[in-house]
């Protein structure tokens, strides 16, 4: 029996909280992901590097399921 779990190749991420008042490193991660303003929705590839960046700012973003 084989497991066939479909994993999304793309992640949709929404910035729901501002980086104001948080460390500079987190602000650089927000900019590095490509967010321009609050409530921006971006699409990024599902890679360990991107997931690590999301993990660091998980209190500022939401993942959107399709």
C-alpha atoms as a PDB file:
ATOM      1  CA  UNK A   1       0.000   0.000   0.000  1.00  0.00           C
ATOM      2  CA  UNK A   2       1.428   3.385  -0.942  1.00  0.00           C
ATOM      3  CA  UNK A   3       0.611   6.731   0.536  1.00  0.00           C
ATOM      4  CA  UNK A   4      -0.233   9.427  -1.959  1.00  0.00           C
ATOM      5  CA  UNK A   5      -0.209  12.702  -0.098  1.00  0.00           C
ATOM      6  CA  UNK A   6      -0.489  15.688  -2.384  1.00  0.00           C
ATOM      7  CA  UNK A   7       1.741  18.467  -1.128  1.00  0.00           C
ATOM      8  CA  UNK A   8       1.277  21.955  -2.478  1.00  0.00           C
ATOM      9  CA  UNK A   9       4.212  23.292  -4.466  1.00  0.00           C
ATOM     10  CA  UNK A  10       3.250  26.875  -3.644  1.00  0.00           C
ATOM     11  CA  UNK A  11       2.465  28.607  -0.354  1.00  0.00           C
ATOM     12  CA  UNK A  12       0.118  31.575  -0.142  1.00  0.00           C
ATOM     13  CA  UNK A  13       1.132  33.823   2.737  1.00  0.00           C
ATOM     14  CA  UNK A  14      -0.687  36.890   4.075  1.00  0.00           C
ATOM     15  CA  UNK A  15       0.926  39.561   6.279  1.00  0.00           C
ATOM     16  CA  UNK A  16      -1.657  40.236   8.984  1.00  0.00           C
ATOM     17  CA  UNK A  17       0.393  42.175  11.542  1.00  0.00           C
ATOM     18  CA  UNK A  18       2.901  44.983  11.116  1.00  0.00           C
ATOM     19  CA  UNK A  19       6.595  44.526  11.859  1.00  0.00           C
ATOM     20  CA  UNK A  20       6.652  47.759  13.887  1.00  0.00           C
ATOM     21  CA  UNK A  21       7.873  47.081  17.414  1.00  0.00           C
ATOM     22  CA  UNK A  22       9.528  43.783  16.492  1.00  0.00           C
ATOM     23  CA  UNK A  23      13.258  43.079  16.096  1.00  0.00           C
ATOM     24  CA  UNK A  24      15.080  44.255  12.963  1.00  0.00           C
ATOM     25  CA  UNK A  25      15.790  40.645  11.971  1.00  0.00           C
ATOM     26  CA  UNK A  26      12.059  39.941  11.693  1.00  0.00           C
ATOM     27  CA  UNK A  27      11.544  43.110   9.642  1.00  0.00           C
ATOM     28  CA  UNK A  28      14.265  41.925   7.232  1.00  0.00           C
ATOM     29  CA  UNK A  29      12.528  38.547   6.915  1.00  0.00           C
ATOM     30  CA  UNK A  30       9.246  40.304   6.039  1.00  0.00           C
ATOM     31  CA  UNK A  31      11.038  42.315   3.363  1.00  0.00           C
ATOM     32  CA  UNK A  32      12.970  39.247   2.177  1.00  0.00           C
ATOM     33  CA  UNK A  33       9.771  37.322   1.584  1.00  0.00           C
ATOM     34  CA  UNK A  34       8.568  40.179  -0.608  1.00  0.00           C
ATOM     35  CA  UNK A  35       5.842  41.824   1.456  1.00  0.00           C
ATOM     36  CA  UNK A  36       5.220  45.463   0.548  1.00  0.00           C
ATOM     37  CA  UNK A  37       2.362  46.387   2.901  1.00  0.00           C
ATOM     38  CA  UNK A  38      -0.060  45.024   5.464  1.00  0.00           C
ATOM     39  CA  UNK A  39      -2.601  42.475   4.162  1.00  0.00           C
ATOM     40  CA  UNK A  40      -0.402  41.657   1.158  1.00  0.00           C
ATOM     41  CA  UNK A  41      -0.843  38.116  -0.147  1.00  0.00           C
ATOM     42  CA  UNK A  42       2.197  36.562  -1.809  1.00  0.00           C
ATOM     43  CA  UNK A  43       2.928  33.178  -3.319  1.00  0.00           C
ATOM     44  CA  UNK A  44       6.236  31.473  -2.634  1.00  0.00           C
ATOM     45  CA  UNK A  45       7.578  27.982  -3.411  1.00  0.00           C
ATOM     46  CA  UNK A  46       7.216  25.372  -0.692  1.00  0.00           C
ATOM     47  CA  UNK A  47      10.883  24.957   0.237  1.00  0.00           C
ATOM     48  CA  UNK A  48      12.583  24.428   3.610  1.00  0.00           C
ATOM     49  CA  UNK A  49      14.148  27.899   3.370  1.00  0.00           C
ATOM     50  CA  UNK A  50      10.814  29.654   2.878  1.00  0.00           C
ATOM     51  CA  UNK A  51       9.182  27.544   5.595  1.00  0.00           C
ATOM     52  CA  UNK A  52      11.994  28.550   7.978  1.00  0.00           C
ATOM     53  CA  UNK A  53      11.413  32.220   7.235  1.00  0.00           C
ATOM     54  CA  UNK A  54       7.683  31.788   7.829  1.00  0.00           C
ATOM     55  CA  UNK A  55       8.407  29.989  11.109  1.00  0.00           C
ATOM     56  CA  UNK A  56      10.432  32.971  12.344  1.00  0.00           C
ATOM     57  CA  UNK A  57       7.552  35.407  11.739  1.00  0.00           C
ATOM     58  CA  UNK A  58       4.641  33.027  12.301  1.00  0.00           C
ATOM     59  CA  UNK A  59       3.039  35.511  14.722  1.00  0.00           C
ATOM     60  CA  UNK A  60       2.840  38.118  11.918  1.00  0.00           C
ATOM     61  CA  UNK A  61       1.557  36.018   9.002  1.00  0.00           C
ATOM     62  CA  UNK A  62      -1.208  33.583   8.052  1.00  0.00           C
ATOM     63  CA  UNK A  63      -0.993  30.718   5.578  1.00  0.00           C
ATOM     64  CA  UNK A  64      -3.911  30.668   3.176  1.00  0.00           C
ATOM     65  CA  UNK A  65      -5.278  27.256   2.178  1.00  0.00           C
ATOM     66  CA  UNK A  66      -6.791  26.873  -1.259  1.00  0.00           C
END
